[in-house]
């Protein structure tokens, strides 16, 4: 029995087309586009990036790189990644034939893919001039590579014997990797040796850890401006450490931090219970805490007078701050939590710390 004809005016049916397509083909379906992504899957600060020129933030959310404009609260998206590092973006991968992929943010198109790791890429970083790109492999790779990415050329490489969790490039022709019982300074030859067409051995020297030689280091940031030559690290036990230009551990305090990022004058440490603490970079003196986000219960509390420091019940709890990034000026940034959410903050002197 043939099906009954549709009822005229049925609101659940699309309107009939008065001019069918040539050849009787159906009209094209509307395209589905990604509008907004909720949440963040970066596990460490190496999964966050901030463009110093535009203030745009980038972070992974599943298989998508989210490019966020925090001022306008708008998003753009690049599909296919697992992590992200500075503009122009470089995204490392794991799995079958892992690659470091360089993307054009404006066009949202891949520029090139660099294949130099067998099992996966743990973290990447661009040099301050954006000429070189360093990639660190998974423990099974145990390789640190330096690429002249515009020429698709591997210019320097060496082995690492420990699991590496983070990398940071200095403005002074070296970069630092940290990990399990590992703080190592890698130096690029400024005499021009990297300009030859062969891969040269990468020169590295371990930091002098002293009593901290058994620690696991999970974050690193190289100093800028007046702090050029200093290197700051975070250990998994919550220690904030400073190494001088001779790679010697100079200072160590206990902010119970999980991650860190560095401006020219300030250090931001993400800690337990949603806390982000601010220290002076010159002497590591404590300055203040940023306002906390909404607690895990999802409730919000109001105060009698407008204040960026609301009073919360004693039973309120917050997810740990596990990754942070700030702009080059150190006046704004983003903090990610173990609850897979992010929050933007500003430390501009005119307004004080705010969220």
Protein backbone atom coordinates (compact mmCIF):
# COMPACT_ATOMS: atom_id res chain seq x y z
CA UNK A 1 0.00 0.00 0.00
CA UNK A 2 1.50 3.40 -0.94
CA UNK A 3 2.15 5.84 1.94
CA UNK A 4 -0.48 8.53 2.49
CA UNK A 5 0.26 11.96 1.05
CA UNK A 6 1.66 14.54 3.47
CA UNK A 7 -0.83 16.75 5.21
CA UNK A 8 -0.87 20.25 3.81
CA UNK A 9 0.64 22.77 6.20
CA UNK A 10 2.34 20.17 8.43
CA UNK A 11 4.83 22.27 10.47
CA UNK A 12 7.23 19.31 10.84
CA UNK A 13 7.79 19.00 7.09
CA UNK A 14 10.03 21.29 5.02
CA UNK A 15 8.23 23.49 2.50
CA UNK A 16 8.01 22.06 -1.00
CA UNK A 17 10.33 23.63 -3.52
CA UNK A 18 8.52 25.43 -6.33
CA UNK A 19 11.55 25.16 -8.62
CA UNK A 20 13.22 21.72 -8.42
CA UNK A 21 16.90 21.37 -9.23
CA UNK A 22 17.81 20.49 -12.84
CA UNK A 23 17.70 16.74 -13.42
CA UNK A 24 15.45 16.24 -10.42
CA UNK A 25 18.37 16.28 -7.89
CA UNK A 26 17.51 17.40 -4.35
CA UNK A 27 18.53 20.86 -3.15
CA UNK A 28 21.90 21.04 -1.34
CA UNK A 29 21.80 20.56 2.41
CA UNK A 30 23.02 23.40 4.64
CA UNK A 31 26.59 22.97 5.92
CA UNK A 32 27.17 22.31 9.61
CA UNK A 33 29.91 24.52 11.07
CA UNK A 34 31.52 24.46 14.50
CA UNK A 35 30.36 27.52 16.42
CA UNK A 36 31.73 27.12 19.95
CA UNK A 37 33.74 24.63 21.99
CA UNK A 38 33.23 24.25 25.74
CA UNK A 39 36.09 23.01 27.89
CA UNK A 40 39.81 22.47 27.48
CA UNK A 41 41.89 19.28 27.39
CA UNK A 42 45.41 20.70 27.86
CA UNK A 43 47.10 18.87 30.71
CA UNK A 44 49.97 21.33 31.24
CA UNK A 45 50.93 24.89 30.32
CA UNK A 46 52.54 23.56 27.13
CA UNK A 47 48.98 23.20 25.84
CA UNK A 48 48.30 26.95 26.05
CA UNK A 49 49.64 29.75 23.86
CA UNK A 50 49.22 33.52 23.71
CA UNK A 51 49.94 35.65 20.65
CA UNK A 52 51.84 38.71 21.98
CA UNK A 53 50.76 40.83 19.00
CA UNK A 54 47.00 40.27 19.15
CA UNK A 55 46.36 38.80 22.59
CA UNK A 56 44.64 35.77 21.06
CA UNK A 57 44.73 32.58 23.12
CA UNK A 58 45.00 29.08 21.72
CA UNK A 59 44.40 25.76 23.42
CA UNK A 60 43.35 22.21 22.53
CA UNK A 61 39.87 20.84 23.13
CA UNK A 62 39.83 17.25 21.93
CA UNK A 63 40.84 17.21 18.26
CA UNK A 64 40.28 20.97 17.86
CA UNK A 65 42.56 23.95 18.48
CA UNK A 66 40.44 26.78 19.83
CA UNK A 67 41.64 30.30 19.00
CA UNK A 68 39.94 32.56 21.54
CA UNK A 69 39.63 36.33 21.49
CA UNK A 70 39.20 36.99 25.23
CA UNK A 71 38.12 40.61 24.74
CA UNK A 72 35.27 39.76 22.40
CA UNK A 73 34.67 36.22 23.72
CA UNK A 74 34.70 34.81 20.19
CA UNK A 75 36.26 31.61 18.88
CA UNK A 76 37.85 30.31 15.71
CA UNK A 77 38.88 26.71 15.26
CA UNK A 78 41.57 24.58 13.65
CA UNK A 79 40.74 20.91 13.30
CA UNK A 80 43.35 18.17 13.92
CA UNK A 81 45.70 18.58 16.89
CA UNK A 82 46.66 17.38 20.35
CA UNK A 83 48.67 20.35 21.63
CA UNK A 84 49.57 23.86 20.64
CA UNK A 85 52.43 26.31 20.98
CA UNK A 86 53.06 29.89 20.07
CA UNK A 87 52.18 31.85 16.94
CA UNK A 88 52.58 30.69 14.23
CA UNK A 89 51.07 27.61 15.77
CA UNK A 90 52.92 24.32 15.99
CA UNK A 91 50.91 21.30 17.07
CA UNK A 92 52.52 18.00 18.07
CA UNK A 93 50.80 14.67 17.71
CA UNK A 94 50.99 11.06 18.84
CA UNK A 95 49.95 7.79 17.27
CA UNK A 96 50.71 6.59 13.74
CA UNK A 97 53.36 8.74 12.01
CA UNK A 98 53.31 11.60 14.54
CA UNK A 99 54.23 15.00 13.19
CA UNK A 100 54.74 18.58 14.27
CA UNK A 101 52.24 20.51 12.19
CA UNK A 102 52.63 24.24 11.54
CA UNK A 103 49.41 26.11 10.82
CA UNK A 104 48.47 29.46 9.34
CA UNK A 105 46.11 30.93 11.93
CA UNK A 106 44.41 33.39 9.59
CA UNK A 107 43.79 30.85 6.84
CA UNK A 108 43.34 27.97 9.32
CA UNK A 109 45.34 25.82 6.92
CA UNK A 110 48.35 23.59 7.45
CA UNK A 111 51.65 25.08 6.26
CA UNK A 112 53.80 21.96 6.65
CA UNK A 113 54.32 18.81 8.71
CA UNK A 114 57.67 17.92 10.29
CA UNK A 115 58.34 14.21 10.75
CA UNK A 116 61.17 13.46 13.16
CA UNK A 117 59.62 11.36 15.93
CA UNK A 118 58.45 7.75 15.89
CA UNK A 119 56.07 7.45 18.85
CA UNK A 120 54.78 10.93 19.67
CA UNK A 121 55.67 14.54 20.44
CA UNK A 122 55.45 15.65 24.06
CA UNK A 123 55.89 19.42 23.66
CA UNK A 124 57.00 22.09 21.20
CA UNK A 125 58.20 25.69 21.38
CA UNK A 126 59.15 28.40 18.90
CA UNK A 127 62.26 30.53 19.34
CA UNK A 128 61.55 34.21 20.13
CA UNK A 129 62.37 35.10 16.51
CA UNK A 130 60.06 32.28 15.29
CA UNK A 131 62.90 31.04 13.06
CA UNK A 132 63.45 27.78 14.93
CA UNK A 133 61.02 25.26 16.35
CA UNK A 134 62.06 22.74 19.01
CA UNK A 135 60.16 19.48 19.48
CA UNK A 136 60.63 16.91 22.23
CA UNK A 137 59.58 13.31 21.70
CA UNK A 138 57.87 10.84 23.99
CA UNK A 139 60.06 8.72 26.32
CA UNK A 140 60.31 5.97 23.70
CA UNK A 141 61.68 8.52 21.20
CA UNK A 142 64.10 10.20 23.61
CA UNK A 143 64.92 12.82 20.97
CA UNK A 144 65.11 16.62 21.04
CA UNK A 145 64.94 18.18 17.56
CA UNK A 146 65.52 21.76 16.43
CA UNK A 147 63.93 22.67 13.10
CA UNK A 148 64.38 25.52 10.68
CA UNK A 149 60.71 25.05 9.93
CA UNK A 150 60.46 27.51 7.04
CA UNK A 151 63.06 25.43 5.17
CA UNK A 152 61.58 22.13 6.39
CA UNK A 153 65.06 21.30 7.70
CA UNK A 154 66.24 19.51 10.85
CA UNK A 155 69.27 21.56 11.91
CA UNK A 156 70.17 20.03 15.29
CA UNK A 157 69.24 16.97 17.32
CA UNK A 158 70.25 14.97 20.36
CA UNK A 159 69.05 12.26 22.74
CA UNK A 160 67.49 12.68 26.18
CA UNK A 161 67.55 9.95 28.80
CA UNK A 162 64.54 11.10 30.85
CA UNK A 163 60.87 11.80 30.29
CA UNK A 164 60.47 15.48 29.32
CA UNK A 165 57.32 17.34 30.34
CA UNK A 166 57.95 20.96 29.30
CA UNK A 167 60.24 23.20 27.25
CA UNK A 168 60.86 26.95 27.16
CA UNK A 169 62.92 29.07 24.75
CA UNK A 170 65.08 31.93 26.00
CA UNK A 171 65.77 35.17 24.16
CA UNK A 172 69.48 34.37 24.53
CA UNK A 173 69.93 31.48 22.02
CA UNK A 174 69.20 28.57 24.33
CA UNK A 175 66.21 26.60 25.52
CA UNK A 176 65.49 24.52 28.62
CA UNK A 177 63.77 21.16 28.98
CA UNK A 178 62.49 19.77 32.29
CA UNK A 179 61.09 16.42 33.34
CA UNK A 180 61.78 13.41 35.56
CA UNK A 181 65.00 14.20 37.44
CA UNK A 182 65.82 16.43 34.50
CA UNK A 183 66.61 20.13 34.00
CA UNK A 184 68.77 20.63 30.92
CA UNK A 185 69.98 23.70 29.04
CA UNK A 186 70.42 23.31 25.27
CA UNK A 187 72.53 25.83 23.35
CA UNK A 188 72.25 26.87 19.71
CA UNK A 189 75.53 27.80 18.03
CA UNK A 190 75.35 31.54 17.37
CA UNK A 191 78.43 31.40 15.09
CA UNK A 192 76.34 30.19 12.16
CA UNK A 193 76.91 26.43 12.39
CA UNK A 194 73.14 25.86 12.23
CA UNK A 195 73.08 27.36 8.74
CA UNK A 196 74.73 24.36 7.10
CA UNK A 197 72.66 21.74 5.33
CA UNK A 198 73.45 18.91 7.75
CA UNK A 199 71.97 18.08 11.13
CA UNK A 200 74.51 18.89 13.86
CA UNK A 201 74.61 17.50 17.42
CA UNK A 202 72.67 19.65 19.86
CA UNK A 203 74.83 20.73 22.80
CA UNK A 204 73.23 20.36 26.23
CA UNK A 205 74.32 20.84 29.86
CA UNK A 206 72.37 19.72 32.92
CA UNK A 207 71.34 22.15 35.61
CA UNK A 208 73.00 21.85 39.02
CA UNK A 209 70.08 20.56 41.09
CA UNK A 210 71.83 19.87 44.39
CA UNK A 211 69.41 18.30 46.87
CA UNK A 212 66.60 18.42 44.29
CA UNK A 213 68.20 15.86 41.96
CA UNK A 214 65.40 13.34 42.63
CA UNK A 215 62.54 15.75 41.87
CA UNK A 216 60.16 15.64 38.93
CA UNK A 217 59.90 19.04 37.22
CA UNK A 218 56.64 19.80 35.43
CA UNK A 219 56.98 23.42 34.29
CA UNK A 220 59.66 25.84 33.08
CA UNK A 221 59.85 29.47 31.97
CA UNK A 222 62.90 31.43 30.80
CA UNK A 223 63.31 34.97 32.10
CA UNK A 224 62.76 38.04 29.94
CA UNK A 225 63.85 41.66 30.15
CA UNK A 226 65.76 42.31 33.37
CA UNK A 227 65.46 38.62 34.28
CA UNK A 228 67.15 37.44 31.07
CA UNK A 229 69.56 34.67 32.05
CA UNK A 230 67.37 33.35 34.86
CA UNK A 231 65.23 30.23 34.49
CA UNK A 232 62.25 29.34 36.69
CA UNK A 233 60.99 25.79 37.21
CA UNK A 234 58.16 24.10 39.09
CA UNK A 235 58.53 20.66 40.66
CA UNK A 236 55.71 18.17 41.15
CA UNK A 237 56.17 18.60 44.91
CA UNK A 238 55.22 22.28 44.59
CA UNK A 239 58.65 23.95 44.66
CA UNK A 240 59.31 27.13 42.69
CA UNK A 241 63.00 27.16 41.74
CA UNK A 242 65.24 29.76 40.12
CA UNK A 243 68.41 28.89 38.18
CA UNK A 244 71.00 31.58 37.38
CA UNK A 245 72.91 32.06 34.13
CA UNK A 246 75.45 29.43 35.28
CA UNK A 247 72.66 26.81 35.53
CA UNK A 248 73.01 26.70 39.32
CA UNK A 249 69.93 26.47 41.56
CA UNK A 250 69.89 29.87 43.25
CA UNK A 251 66.57 30.13 45.11
CA UNK A 252 63.76 27.81 46.06
CA UNK A 253 60.41 28.53 47.76
CA UNK A 254 57.35 26.41 48.48
CA UNK A 255 54.15 27.90 46.95
CA UNK A 256 52.68 24.37 46.44
CA UNK A 257 52.33 25.15 42.73
CA UNK A 258 51.29 22.91 39.84
CA UNK A 259 52.33 25.18 36.95
CA UNK A 260 53.87 28.55 36.21
CA UNK A 261 54.18 31.23 33.57
CA UNK A 262 56.31 34.33 33.44
CA UNK A 263 55.94 37.97 32.45
CA UNK A 264 58.82 40.43 32.42
CA UNK A 265 58.30 41.32 36.09
CA UNK A 266 55.81 38.81 37.52
CA UNK A 267 55.61 35.05 38.06
CA UNK A 268 52.17 33.41 38.04
CA UNK A 269 51.88 30.06 39.83
CA UNK A 270 48.80 27.88 39.53
CA UNK A 271 48.18 26.06 42.81
CA UNK A 272 45.67 23.73 44.42
CA UNK A 273 42.06 24.72 45.16
CA UNK A 274 41.85 27.14 42.23
CA UNK A 275 44.53 29.51 43.54
CA UNK A 276 46.83 31.54 41.25
CA UNK A 277 49.61 33.28 43.18
CA UNK A 278 51.70 36.19 41.92
CA UNK A 279 55.38 36.65 42.79
CA UNK A 280 57.95 39.25 41.82
CA UNK A 281 60.41 37.77 39.35
CA UNK A 282 63.39 39.73 40.66
CA UNK A 283 63.34 38.35 44.23
CA UNK A 284 60.47 35.80 44.19
CA UNK A 285 58.59 37.74 46.88
CA UNK A 286 54.89 36.96 47.20
CA UNK A 287 52.54 39.74 46.02
CA UNK A 288 48.93 38.54 45.87
CA UNK A 289 46.44 35.85 44.88
CA UNK A 290 44.10 36.21 41.91
CA UNK A 291 40.35 35.91 42.57
CA UNK A 292 39.13 32.33 42.48
CA UNK A 293 36.62 31.05 39.91
CA UNK A 294 33.19 29.74 40.80
CA UNK A 295 33.45 26.69 43.09
CA UNK A 296 32.83 23.14 41.99
CA UNK A 297 29.27 23.20 43.32
CA UNK A 298 28.31 25.61 40.53
CA UNK A 299 26.65 28.10 42.90
CA UNK A 300 27.60 31.74 42.90
CA UNK A 301 27.58 33.99 45.92
CA UNK A 302 26.92 37.71 45.95
CA UNK A 303 28.51 40.23 48.27
CA UNK A 304 26.78 43.34 49.71
CA UNK A 305 29.11 45.58 47.68
CA UNK A 306 30.64 44.90 44.26
CA UNK A 307 34.04 43.28 44.78
CA UNK A 308 36.38 41.05 42.77
CA UNK A 309 37.03 39.15 46.02
CA UNK A 310 33.69 37.49 46.94
CA UNK A 311 33.31 35.68 50.24
CA UNK A 312 32.69 31.96 49.79
CA UNK A 313 31.43 29.40 52.31
CA UNK A 314 34.10 27.41 54.12
CA UNK A 315 32.83 24.22 52.48
CA UNK A 316 33.31 25.52 48.92
CA UNK A 317 35.89 23.71 46.78
CA UNK A 318 37.69 24.58 43.56
CA UNK A 319 39.51 22.53 40.93
CA UNK A 320 43.30 22.80 40.97
CA UNK A 321 44.97 25.29 38.63
CA UNK A 322 47.08 23.08 36.36
CA UNK A 323 48.18 25.35 33.49
CA UNK A 324 48.66 29.09 33.08
CA UNK A 325 49.81 31.47 30.37
CA UNK A 326 50.20 35.27 30.33
CA UNK A 327 50.76 37.84 27.62
CA UNK A 328 54.25 39.19 27.00
CA UNK A 329 53.45 42.30 29.03
CA UNK A 330 52.20 40.18 31.92
CA UNK A 331 48.95 42.16 32.22
CA UNK A 332 46.52 39.46 31.09
CA UNK A 333 46.38 35.72 30.85
CA UNK A 334 44.48 32.48 31.09
CA UNK A 335 44.39 29.75 33.70
CA UNK A 336 43.19 26.19 33.09
CA UNK A 337 41.98 23.90 35.87
CA UNK A 338 41.75 20.18 36.51
CA UNK A 339 38.01 20.56 35.87
CA UNK A 340 38.81 21.12 32.15
CA UNK A 341 37.69 24.73 32.18
CA UNK A 342 39.57 27.97 31.66
CA UNK A 343 39.31 31.50 33.00
CA UNK A 344 40.80 34.73 31.76
CA UNK A 345 42.29 37.33 34.09
CA UNK A 346 43.76 40.82 33.97
CA UNK A 347 46.40 42.32 36.24
CA UNK A 348 46.37 45.81 34.73
CA UNK A 349 47.36 48.41 37.37
CA UNK A 350 44.31 50.55 36.60
CA UNK A 351 41.86 47.86 37.59
CA UNK A 352 43.84 45.52 39.86
CA UNK A 353 43.59 41.76 39.64
CA UNK A 354 40.27 40.69 38.17
CA UNK A 355 38.79 37.64 36.49
